[in-house]
Full PDB file with SEQRES, HELIX, SHEET, SSBOND, CRYST1, ORIGX, SCALE, CONECT and MASTER records, all heavy atoms in Angstrom:
SEQRES   1 A   38  VAL LYS GLU TYR SER SER ALA GLY GLU VAL ARG TYR GLN          
SEQRES   2 A   38  THR LYS GLY ASP ALA ASN GLU SER GLU ASP ALA ILE ILE          
SEQRES   3 A   38  SER ARG SER GLN VAL LEU GLY ARG VAL VAL PHE HIS              
HELIX    1 AA1 ARG A   28  GLN A   30  5                                   3    
SHEET    1 AA1 3 LYS A   2  SER A   6  0                                        
SHEET    2 AA1 3 GLU A   9  GLN A  13 -1                                        
SHEET    3 AA1 3 ILE A  25  SER A  27 -1                                        
CRYST1    1.000    1.000    1.000  90.00  90.00  90.00 P 1           1          
ORIGX1      1.000000  0.000000  0.000000        0.00000                         
ORIGX2      0.000000  1.000000  0.000000        0.00000                         
ORIGX3      0.000000  0.000000  1.000000        0.00000                         
SCALE1      1.000000  0.000000  0.000000        0.00000                         
SCALE2      0.000000  1.000000  0.000000        0.00000                         
SCALE3      0.000000  0.000000  1.000000        0.00000                         
ATOM      1  N   VAL A   1      62.272  83.832 135.996  1.00  0.00           N  
ATOM      2  CA  VAL A   1      60.871  83.313 136.067  1.00  0.00           C  
ATOM      3  C   VAL A   1      60.303  83.435 137.468  1.00  0.00           C  
ATOM      4  O   VAL A   1      59.087  83.439 137.666  1.00  0.00           O  
ATOM      5  CB  VAL A   1      60.799  81.844 135.604  1.00  0.00           C  
ATOM      6  CG1 VAL A   1      61.094  81.748 134.150  1.00  0.00           C  
ATOM      7  CG2 VAL A   1      61.742  80.952 136.416  1.00  0.00           C  
ATOM      8  N   LYS A   2      61.195  83.575 138.504  1.00  0.00           N  
ATOM      9  CA  LYS A   2      60.746  83.735 139.882  1.00  0.00           C  
ATOM     10  C   LYS A   2      61.699  84.628 140.645  1.00  0.00           C  
ATOM     11  O   LYS A   2      62.897  84.646 140.342  1.00  0.00           O  
ATOM     12  CB  LYS A   2      60.621  82.343 140.545  1.00  0.00           C  
ATOM     13  CG  LYS A   2      59.565  81.431 140.007  1.00  0.00           C  
ATOM     14  CD  LYS A   2      59.570  80.096 140.712  1.00  0.00           C  
ATOM     15  CE  LYS A   2      58.559  79.114 140.096  1.00  0.00           C  
ATOM     16  NZ  LYS A   2      58.596  77.785 140.779  1.00  0.00           N  
ATOM     17  N   GLU A   3      61.152  85.289 141.631  1.00  0.00           N  
ATOM     18  CA  GLU A   3      61.987  86.123 142.537  1.00  0.00           C  
ATOM     19  C   GLU A   3      61.753  85.663 143.985  1.00  0.00           C  
ATOM     20  O   GLU A   3      60.596  85.369 144.339  1.00  0.00           O  
ATOM     21  CB  GLU A   3      61.626  87.596 142.375  1.00  0.00           C  
ATOM     22  CG  GLU A   3      61.842  88.211 141.027  1.00  0.00           C  
ATOM     23  CD  GLU A   3      61.469  89.655 140.976  1.00  0.00           C  
ATOM     24  OE1 GLU A   3      61.965  90.451 141.782  1.00  0.00           O  
ATOM     25  OE2 GLU A   3      60.592  89.995 140.140  1.00  0.00           O  
ATOM     26  N   TYR A   4      62.793  85.621 144.744  1.00  0.00           N  
ATOM     27  CA  TYR A   4      62.690  85.267 146.144  1.00  0.00           C  
ATOM     28  C   TYR A   4      63.371  86.348 146.985  1.00  0.00           C  
ATOM     29  O   TYR A   4      64.450  86.838 146.605  1.00  0.00           O  
ATOM     30  CB  TYR A   4      63.371  83.929 146.403  1.00  0.00           C  
ATOM     31  CG  TYR A   4      62.788  82.783 145.617  1.00  0.00           C  
ATOM     32  CD1 TYR A   4      63.397  82.393 144.403  1.00  0.00           C  
ATOM     33  CD2 TYR A   4      61.691  82.070 146.092  1.00  0.00           C  
ATOM     34  CE1 TYR A   4      62.880  81.341 143.659  1.00  0.00           C  
ATOM     35  CE2 TYR A   4      61.160  80.994 145.314  1.00  0.00           C  
ATOM     36  CZ  TYR A   4      61.741  80.652 144.137  1.00  0.00           C  
ATOM     37  OH  TYR A   4      61.243  79.633 143.411  1.00  0.00           O  
ATOM     38  N   SER A   5      62.778  86.683 148.071  1.00  0.00           N  
ATOM     39  CA  SER A   5      63.355  87.678 148.975  1.00  0.00           C  
ATOM     40  C   SER A   5      63.329  87.163 150.390  1.00  0.00           C  
ATOM     41  O   SER A   5      62.257  86.772 150.872  1.00  0.00           O  
ATOM     42  CB  SER A   5      62.565  88.998 148.875  1.00  0.00           C  
ATOM     43  OG  SER A   5      63.144  89.982 149.792  1.00  0.00           O  
ATOM     44  N   SER A   6      64.485  87.088 150.986  1.00  0.00           N  
ATOM     45  CA  SER A   6      64.573  86.505 152.347  1.00  0.00           C  
ATOM     46  C   SER A   6      65.661  87.290 153.078  1.00  0.00           C  
ATOM     47  O   SER A   6      66.837  87.382 152.620  1.00  0.00           O  
ATOM     48  CB  SER A   6      64.924  85.044 152.297  1.00  0.00           C  
ATOM     49  OG  SER A   6      65.114  84.536 153.629  1.00  0.00           O  
ATOM     50  N   ALA A   7      65.298  87.838 154.264  1.00  0.00           N  
ATOM     51  CA  ALA A   7      66.213  88.609 155.129  1.00  0.00           C  
ATOM     52  C   ALA A   7      66.927  89.725 154.321  1.00  0.00           C  
ATOM     53  O   ALA A   7      68.116  89.983 154.531  1.00  0.00           O  
ATOM     54  CB  ALA A   7      67.243  87.648 155.723  1.00  0.00           C  
ATOM     55  N   GLY A   8      66.128  90.369 153.494  1.00  0.00           N  
ATOM     56  CA  GLY A   8      66.688  91.498 152.730  1.00  0.00           C  
ATOM     57  C   GLY A   8      67.550  91.128 151.567  1.00  0.00           C  
ATOM     58  O   GLY A   8      68.084  91.983 150.842  1.00  0.00           O  
ATOM     59  N   GLU A   9      67.664  89.819 151.258  1.00  0.00           N  
ATOM     60  CA  GLU A   9      68.437  89.390 150.161  1.00  0.00           C  
ATOM     61  C   GLU A   9      67.525  88.856 149.067  1.00  0.00           C  
ATOM     62  O   GLU A   9      66.646  88.045 149.293  1.00  0.00           O  
ATOM     63  CB  GLU A   9      69.436  88.264 150.561  1.00  0.00           C  
ATOM     64  CG  GLU A   9      70.328  87.815 149.407  1.00  0.00           C  
ATOM     65  CD  GLU A   9      71.268  86.659 149.839  1.00  0.00           C  
ATOM     66  OE1 GLU A   9      71.210  86.229 151.031  1.00  0.00           O  
ATOM     67  OE2 GLU A   9      72.076  86.201 148.994  1.00  0.00           O  
ATOM     68  N   VAL A  10      67.794  89.295 147.850  1.00  0.00           N  
ATOM     69  CA  VAL A  10      66.973  88.927 146.715  1.00  0.00           C  
ATOM     70  C   VAL A  10      67.666  87.802 145.940  1.00  0.00           C  
ATOM     71  O   VAL A  10      68.850  87.889 145.646  1.00  0.00           O  
ATOM     72  CB  VAL A  10      66.702  90.108 145.767  1.00  0.00           C  
ATOM     73  CG1 VAL A  10      65.816  89.685 144.575  1.00  0.00           C  
ATOM     74  CG2 VAL A  10      66.000  91.250 146.537  1.00  0.00           C  
ATOM     75  N   ARG A  11      66.921  86.788 145.609  1.00  0.00           N  
ATOM     76  CA  ARG A  11      67.432  85.726 144.766  1.00  0.00           C  
ATOM     77  C   ARG A  11      66.492  85.491 143.581  1.00  0.00           C  
ATOM     78  O   ARG A  11      65.304  85.887 143.611  1.00  0.00           O  
ATOM     79  CB  ARG A  11      67.533  84.391 145.571  1.00  0.00           C  
ATOM     80  CG  ARG A  11      68.594  84.433 146.610  1.00  0.00           C  
ATOM     81  CD  ARG A  11      68.615  83.137 147.444  1.00  0.00           C  
ATOM     82  NE  ARG A  11      69.750  83.117 148.356  1.00  0.00           N  
ATOM     83  CZ  ARG A  11      70.930  82.561 148.035  1.00  0.00           C  
ATOM     84  NH1 ARG A  11      71.132  82.039 146.850  1.00  0.00           N  
ATOM     85  NH2 ARG A  11      71.878  82.558 148.915  1.00  0.00           N  
ATOM     86  N   TYR A  12      67.082  84.879 142.537  1.00  0.00           N  
ATOM     87  CA  TYR A  12      66.299  84.732 141.305  1.00  0.00           C  
ATOM     88  C   TYR A  12      66.402  83.272 140.849  1.00  0.00           C  
ATOM     89  O   TYR A  12      67.392  82.616 141.078  1.00  0.00           O  
ATOM     90  CB  TYR A  12      66.828  85.644 140.193  1.00  0.00           C  
ATOM     91  CG  TYR A  12      66.843  87.111 140.532  1.00  0.00           C  
ATOM     92  CD1 TYR A  12      68.114  87.719 140.883  1.00  0.00           C  
ATOM     93  CD2 TYR A  12      65.728  87.909 140.507  1.00  0.00           C  
ATOM     94  CE1 TYR A  12      68.145  89.048 141.195  1.00  0.00           C  
ATOM     95  CE2 TYR A  12      65.777  89.257 140.871  1.00  0.00           C  
ATOM     96  CZ  TYR A  12      66.981  89.831 141.221  1.00  0.00           C  
ATOM     97  OH  TYR A  12      67.015  91.160 141.518  1.00  0.00           O  
ATOM     98  N   GLN A  13      65.339  82.898 140.113  1.00  0.00           N  
ATOM     99  CA  GLN A  13      65.383  81.615 139.446  1.00  0.00           C  
ATOM    100  C   GLN A  13      65.142  81.890 137.963  1.00  0.00           C  
ATOM    101  O   GLN A  13      64.218  82.567 137.622  1.00  0.00           O  
ATOM    102  CB  GLN A  13      64.339  80.635 139.968  1.00  0.00           C  
ATOM    103  CG  GLN A  13      64.506  79.213 139.429  1.00  0.00           C  
ATOM    104  CD  GLN A  13      63.758  78.175 140.234  1.00  0.00           C  
ATOM    105  OE1 GLN A  13      62.614  78.458 140.688  1.00  0.00           O  
ATOM    106  NE2 GLN A  13      64.400  77.016 140.542  1.00  0.00           N  
ATOM    107  N   THR A  14      66.023  81.353 137.164  1.00  0.00           N  
ATOM    108  CA  THR A  14      65.921  81.592 135.720  1.00  0.00           C  
ATOM    109  C   THR A  14      65.615  80.318 134.969  1.00  0.00           C  
ATOM    110  O   THR A  14      65.750  79.216 135.482  1.00  0.00           O  
ATOM    111  CB  THR A  14      67.281  82.223 135.165  1.00  0.00           C  
ATOM    112  OG1 THR A  14      68.347  81.270 135.418  1.00  0.00           O  
ATOM    113  CG2 THR A  14      67.576  83.493 135.854  1.00  0.00           C  
ATOM    114  N   LYS A  15      65.296  80.509 133.692  1.00  0.00           N  
ATOM    115  CA  LYS A  15      64.920  79.339 132.853  1.00  0.00           C  
ATOM    116  C   LYS A  15      65.090  79.759 131.393  1.00  0.00           C  
ATOM    117  O   LYS A  15      64.684  80.861 131.014  1.00  0.00           O  
ATOM    118  CB  LYS A  15      63.518  78.875 133.144  1.00  0.00           C  
ATOM    119  CG  LYS A  15      63.034  77.788 132.222  1.00  0.00           C  
ATOM    120  CD  LYS A  15      61.625  77.409 132.585  1.00  0.00           C  
ATOM    121  CE  LYS A  15      61.035  76.378 131.590  1.00  0.00           C  
ATOM    122  NZ  LYS A  15      60.948  76.945 130.199  1.00  0.00           N  
ATOM    123  N   GLY A  16      65.630  78.877 130.602  1.00  0.00           N  
ATOM    124  CA  GLY A  16      65.707  79.112 129.178  1.00  0.00           C  
ATOM    125  C   GLY A  16      64.347  78.942 128.565  1.00  0.00           C  
ATOM    126  O   GLY A  16      63.591  78.006 128.892  1.00  0.00           O  
ATOM    127  N   ASP A  17      63.950  79.812 127.630  1.00  0.00           N  
ATOM    128  CA  ASP A  17      62.615  79.732 127.033  1.00  0.00           C  
ATOM    129  C   ASP A  17      62.420  78.373 126.349  1.00  0.00           C  
ATOM    130  O   ASP A  17      61.290  77.895 126.326  1.00  0.00           O  
ATOM    131  CB  ASP A  17      62.437  80.874 126.002  1.00  0.00           C  
ATOM    132  CG  ASP A  17      62.275  82.209 126.679  1.00  0.00           C  
ATOM    133  OD1 ASP A  17      62.281  82.256 127.941  1.00  0.00           O  
ATOM    134  OD2 ASP A  17      62.242  83.223 125.955  1.00  0.00           O  
ATOM    135  N   ALA A  18      63.495  77.772 125.837  1.00  0.00           N  
ATOM    136  CA  ALA A  18      63.383  76.542 125.106  1.00  0.00           C  
ATOM    137  C   ALA A  18      63.642  75.323 126.007  1.00  0.00           C  
ATOM    138  O   ALA A  18      63.556  74.174 125.564  1.00  0.00           O  
ATOM    139  CB  ALA A  18      64.307  76.508 123.907  1.00  0.00           C  
ATOM    140  N   ASN A  19      63.967  75.567 127.274  1.00  0.00           N  
ATOM    141  CA  ASN A  19      64.268  74.477 128.184  1.00  0.00           C  
ATOM    142  C   ASN A  19      63.045  74.045 128.969  1.00  0.00           C  
ATOM    143  O   ASN A  19      62.090  74.876 129.186  1.00  0.00           O  
ATOM    144  CB  ASN A  19      65.381  74.893 129.201  1.00  0.00           C  
ATOM    145  CG  ASN A  19      66.693  75.078 128.542  1.00  0.00           C  
ATOM    146  OD1 ASN A  19      66.882  74.760 127.374  1.00  0.00           O  
ATOM    147  ND2 ASN A  19      67.643  75.646 129.277  1.00  0.00           N  
ATOM    148  N   GLU A  20      62.963  72.833 129.372  1.00  0.00           N  
ATOM    149  CA  GLU A  20      61.817  72.305 130.154  1.00  0.00           C  
ATOM    150  C   GLU A  20      62.020  72.571 131.636  1.00  0.00           C  
ATOM    151  O   GLU A  20      61.057  72.764 132.389  1.00  0.00           O  
ATOM    152  CB  GLU A  20      61.635  70.844 129.851  1.00  0.00           C  
ATOM    153  CG  GLU A  20      61.210  70.529 128.411  1.00  0.00           C  
ATOM    154  CD  GLU A  20      60.958  69.046 128.193  1.00  0.00           C  
ATOM    155  OE1 GLU A  20      61.115  68.264 129.202  1.00  0.00           O  
ATOM    156  OE2 GLU A  20      60.599  68.638 127.076  1.00  0.00           O  
ATOM    157  N   SER A  21      63.275  72.489 132.101  1.00  0.00           N  
ATOM    158  CA  SER A  21      63.495  72.624 133.510  1.00  0.00           C  
ATOM    159  C   SER A  21      64.057  73.986 133.862  1.00  0.00           C  
ATOM    160  O   SER A  21      64.671  74.673 133.010  1.00  0.00           O  
ATOM    161  CB  SER A  21      64.486  71.540 133.971  1.00  0.00           C  
ATOM    162  OG  SER A  21      65.741  71.671 133.271  1.00  0.00           O  
ATOM    163  N   GLU A  22      63.871  74.381 135.097  1.00  0.00           N  
ATOM    164  CA  GLU A  22      64.392  75.665 135.566  1.00  0.00           C  
ATOM    165  C   GLU A  22      65.829  75.514 136.057  1.00  0.00           C  
ATOM    166  O   GLU A  22      66.307  74.384 136.362  1.00  0.00           O  
ATOM    167  CB  GLU A  22      63.482  76.186 136.696  1.00  0.00           C  
ATOM    168  CG  GLU A  22      62.075  76.449 136.238  1.00  0.00           C  
ATOM    169  CD  GLU A  22      61.188  76.813 137.445  1.00  0.00           C  
ATOM    170  OE1 GLU A  22      61.591  76.573 138.578  1.00  0.00           O  
ATOM    171  OE2 GLU A  22      60.095  77.378 137.217  1.00  0.00           O  
ATOM    172  N   ASP A  23      66.503  76.663 136.110  1.00  0.00           N  
ATOM    173  CA  ASP A  23      67.906  76.633 136.563  1.00  0.00           C  
ATOM    174  C   ASP A  23      67.917  76.703 138.119  1.00  0.00           C  
ATOM    175  O   ASP A  23      66.885  76.933 138.768  1.00  0.00           O  
ATOM    176  CB  ASP A  23      68.686  77.846 136.043  1.00  0.00           C  
ATOM    177  CG  ASP A  23      68.601  77.942 134.535  1.00  0.00           C  
ATOM    178  OD1 ASP A  23      68.756  76.850 133.882  1.00  0.00           O  
ATOM    179  OD2 ASP A  23      68.388  79.020 133.953  1.00  0.00           O  
ATOM    180  N   ALA A  24      69.092  76.515 138.664  1.00  0.00           N  
ATOM    181  CA  ALA A  24      69.259  76.684 140.090  1.00  0.00           C  
ATOM    182  C   ALA A  24      69.033  78.140 140.549  1.00  0.00           C  
ATOM    183  O   ALA A  24      69.272  79.026 139.697  1.00  0.00           O  
ATOM    184  CB  ALA A  24      70.634  76.189 140.550  1.00  0.00           C  
ATOM    185  N   ILE A  25      68.650  78.311 141.755  1.00  0.00           N  
ATOM    186  CA  ILE A  25      68.372  79.678 142.226  1.00  0.00           C  
ATOM    187  C   ILE A  25      69.761  80.378 142.385  1.00  0.00           C  
ATOM    188  O   ILE A  25      70.726  79.809 142.833  1.00  0.00           O  
ATOM    189  CB  ILE A  25      67.710  79.643 143.585  1.00  0.00           C  
ATOM    190  CG1 ILE A  25      66.305  79.039 143.398  1.00  0.00           C  
ATOM    191  CG2 ILE A  25      67.555  81.049 144.166  1.00  0.00           C  
ATOM    192  CD1 ILE A  25      65.555  78.861 144.721  1.00  0.00           C  
ATOM    193  N   ILE A  26      69.797  81.633 141.925  1.00  0.00           N  
ATOM    194  CA  ILE A  26      71.064  82.401 141.924  1.00  0.00           C  
ATOM    195  C   ILE A  26      70.887  83.633 142.796  1.00  0.00           C  
ATOM    196  O   ILE A  26      69.790  84.102 143.028  1.00  0.00           O  
ATOM    197  CB  ILE A  26      71.526  82.820 140.504  1.00  0.00           C  
ATOM    198  CG1 ILE A  26      70.422  83.671 139.847  1.00  0.00           C  
ATOM    199  CG2 ILE A  26      71.824  81.582 139.679  1.00  0.00           C  
ATOM    200  CD1 ILE A  26      70.792  84.216 138.509  1.00  0.00           C  
ATOM    201  N   SER A  27      72.017  84.137 143.261  1.00  0.00           N  
ATOM    202  CA  SER A  27      72.001  85.384 144.063  1.00  0.00           C  
ATOM    203  C   SER A  27      72.048  86.611 143.217  1.00  0.00           C  
ATOM    204  O   SER A  27      72.453  86.508 142.026  1.00  0.00           O  
ATOM    205  CB  SER A  27      73.109  85.348 145.074  1.00  0.00           C  
ATOM    206  OG  SER A  27      74.409  85.423 144.398  1.00  0.00           O  
ATOM    207  N   ARG A  28      71.765  87.741 143.789  1.00  0.00           N  
ATOM    208  CA  ARG A  28      71.869  89.010 143.057  1.00  0.00           C  
ATOM    209  C   ARG A  28      73.286  89.314 142.552  1.00  0.00           C  
ATOM    210  O   ARG A  28      73.453  89.873 141.478  1.00  0.00           O  
ATOM    211  CB  ARG A  28      71.381  90.140 144.009  1.00  0.00           C  
ATOM    212  CG  ARG A  28      71.563  91.562 143.515  1.00  0.00           C  
ATOM    213  CD  ARG A  28      70.726  91.829 142.254  1.00  0.00           C  
ATOM    214  NE  ARG A  28      70.928  93.188 141.791  1.00  0.00           N  
ATOM    215  CZ  ARG A  28      71.977  93.607 141.067  1.00  0.00           C  
ATOM    216  NH1 ARG A  28      72.931  92.733 140.764  1.00  0.00           N  
ATOM    217  NH2 ARG A  28      72.070  94.830 140.686  1.00  0.00           N  
ATOM    218  N   SER A  29      74.241  88.869 143.368  1.00  0.00           N  
ATOM    219  CA  SER A  29      75.663  89.145 142.967  1.00  0.00           C  
ATOM    220  C   SER A  29      76.101  88.397 141.758  1.00  0.00           C  
ATOM    221  O   SER A  29      77.105  88.722 141.139  1.00  0.00           O  
ATOM    222  CB  SER A  29      76.589  88.897 144.155  1.00  0.00           C  
ATOM    223  OG  SER A  29      76.493  87.532 144.529  1.00  0.00           O  
ATOM    224  N   GLN A  30      75.380  87.311 141.424  1.00  0.00           N  
ATOM    225  CA  GLN A  30      75.782  86.481 140.287  1.00  0.00           C  
ATOM    226  C   GLN A  30      75.300  87.076 138.957  1.00  0.00           C  
ATOM    227  O   GLN A  30      75.782  86.735 137.887  1.00  0.00           O  
ATOM    228  CB  GLN A  30      75.252  85.064 140.423  1.00  0.00           C  
ATOM    229  CG  GLN A  30      75.871  84.251 141.514  1.00  0.00           C  
ATOM    230  CD  GLN A  30      75.244  82.879 141.642  1.00  0.00           C  
ATOM    231  OE1 GLN A  30      74.484  82.611 142.575  1.00  0.00           O  
ATOM    232  NE2 GLN A  30      75.551  81.978 140.694  1.00  0.00           N  
ATOM    233  N   VAL A  31      74.336  87.980 139.028  1.00  0.00           N  
ATOM    234  CA  VAL A  31      73.792  88.557 137.789  1.00  0.00           C  
ATOM    235  C   VAL A  31      74.708  89.624 137.258  1.00  0.00           C  
ATOM    236  O   VAL A  31      75.078  90.593 137.956  1.00  0.00           O  
ATOM    237  CB  VAL A  31      72.407  89.145 138.075  1.00  0.00           C  
ATOM    238  CG1 VAL A  31      71.802  89.740 136.762  1.00  0.00           C  
ATOM    239  CG2 VAL A  31      71.461  88.117 138.655  1.00  0.00           C  
ATOM    240  N   LEU A  32      75.116  89.484 135.997  1.00  0.00           N  
ATOM    241  CA  LEU A  32      76.022  90.444 135.379  1.00  0.00           C  
ATOM    242  C   LEU A  32      75.254  91.614 134.771  1.00  0.00           C  
ATOM    243  O   LEU A  32      75.786  92.723 134.721  1.00  0.00           O  
ATOM    244  CB  LEU A  32      76.838  89.757 134.269  1.00  0.00           C  
ATOM    245  CG  LEU A  32      77.763  88.603 134.740  1.00  0.00           C  
ATOM    246  CD1 LEU A  32      78.411  87.978 133.543  1.00  0.00           C  
ATOM    247  CD2 LEU A  32      78.772  89.117 135.718  1.00  0.00           C  
ATOM    248  N   GLY A  33      74.060  91.356 134.299  1.00  0.00           N  
ATOM    249  CA  GLY A  33      73.287  92.472 133.712  1.00  0.00           C  
ATOM    250  C   GLY A  33      72.058  91.983 132.962  1.00  0.00           C  
ATOM    251  O   GLY A  33      71.921  90.775 132.729  1.00  0.00           O  
ATOM    252  N   ARG A  34      71.258  92.903 132.530  1.00  0.00           N  
ATOM    253  CA  ARG A  34      70.028  92.585 131.768  1.00  0.00           C  
ATOM    254  C   ARG A  34      70.324  92.814 130.246  1.00  0.00           C  
ATOM    255  O   ARG A  34      71.054  93.780 129.914  1.00  0.00           O  
ATOM    256  CB  ARG A  34      68.890  93.465 132.204  1.00  0.00           C  
ATOM    257  CG  ARG A  34      67.602  93.231 131.458  1.00  0.00           C  
ATOM    258  CD  ARG A  34      66.467  94.071 132.032  1.00  0.00           C  
ATOM    259  NE  ARG A  34      66.714  95.477 131.811  1.00  0.00           N  
ATOM    260  CZ  ARG A  34      66.277  96.152 130.708  1.00  0.00           C  
ATOM    261  NH1 ARG A  34      65.582  95.455 129.768  1.00  0.00           N  
ATOM    262  NH2 ARG A  34      66.525  97.426 130.585  1.00  0.00           N  
ATOM    263  N   VAL A  35      69.761  91.963 129.442  1.00  0.00           N  
ATOM    264  CA  VAL A  35      69.936  92.100 127.987  1.00  0.00           C  
ATOM    265  C   VAL A  35      69.146  93.325 127.524  1.00  0.00           C  
ATOM    266  O   VAL A  35      67.928  93.370 127.668  1.00  0.00           O  
ATOM    267  CB  VAL A  35      69.489  90.843 127.245  1.00  0.00           C  
ATOM    268  CG1 VAL A  35      69.595  91.042 125.763  1.00  0.00           C  
ATOM    269  CG2 VAL A  35      70.296  89.640 127.672  1.00  0.00           C  
ATOM    270  N   VAL A  36      69.836  94.295 126.929  1.00  0.00           N  
ATOM    271  CA  VAL A  36      69.191  95.510 126.451  1.00  0.00           C  
ATOM    272  C   VAL A  36      69.167  95.639 124.958  1.00  0.00           C  
ATOM    273  O   VAL A  36      68.474  96.492 124.382  1.00  0.00           O  
ATOM    274  CB  VAL A  36      69.836  96.765 127.057  1.00  0.00           C  
ATOM    275  CG1 VAL A  36      69.618  96.804 128.582  1.00  0.00           C  
ATOM    276  CG2 VAL A  36      71.345  96.810 126.727  1.00  0.00           C  
ATOM    277  N   PHE A  37      69.984  94.764 124.295  1.00  0.00           N  
ATOM    278  CA  PHE A  37      70.041  94.807 122.843  1.00  0.00           C  
ATOM    279  C   PHE A  37      70.570  93.473 122.335  1.00  0.00           C  
ATOM    280  O   PHE A  37      71.412  92.826 122.976  1.00  0.00           O  
ATOM    281  CB  PHE A  37      70.951  95.931 122.348  1.00  0.00           C  
ATOM    282  CG  PHE A  37      71.194  95.963 120.884  1.00  0.00           C  
ATOM    283  CD1 PHE A  37      70.285  96.546 120.041  1.00  0.00           C  
ATOM    284  CD2 PHE A  37      72.353  95.417 120.319  1.00  0.00           C  
ATOM    285  CE1 PHE A  37      70.436  96.595 118.666  1.00  0.00           C  
ATOM    286  CE2 PHE A  37      72.541  95.420 118.921  1.00  0.00           C  
ATOM    287  CZ  PHE A  37      71.591  96.034 118.136  1.00  0.00           C  
ATOM    288  N   HIS A  38      70.051  93.058 121.212  1.00  0.00           N  
ATOM    289  CA  HIS A  38      70.572  91.798 120.599  1.00  0.00           C  
ATOM    290  C   HIS A  38      70.476  91.915 119.089  1.00  0.00           C  
ATOM    291  O   HIS A  38      69.578  92.561 118.539  1.00  0.00           O  
ATOM    292  CB  HIS A  38      69.830  90.599 121.124  1.00  0.00           C  
ATOM    293  CG  HIS A  38      68.366  90.534 120.669  1.00  0.00           C  
ATOM    294  ND1 HIS A  38      67.953  89.851 119.577  1.00  0.00           N  
ATOM    295  CD2 HIS A  38      67.296  91.076 121.227  1.00  0.00           C  
ATOM    296  CE1 HIS A  38      66.660  90.005 119.431  1.00  0.00           C  
ATOM    297  NE2 HIS A  38      66.214  90.735 120.424  1.00  0.00           N  
TER     298      HIS A  38                                                      
MASTER        0    0    0    1    3    0    0    6  297    1    0    3          
END                                                                             
């Protein structure tokens, strides 16, 4: 839902579509991949 860039490092904030609150900000290295099929 949000992207942050600081000192060349990209961070992301995610949120479940059915959740009211957002998740903690995560680093690029924590992301395993994007959903391409379900």
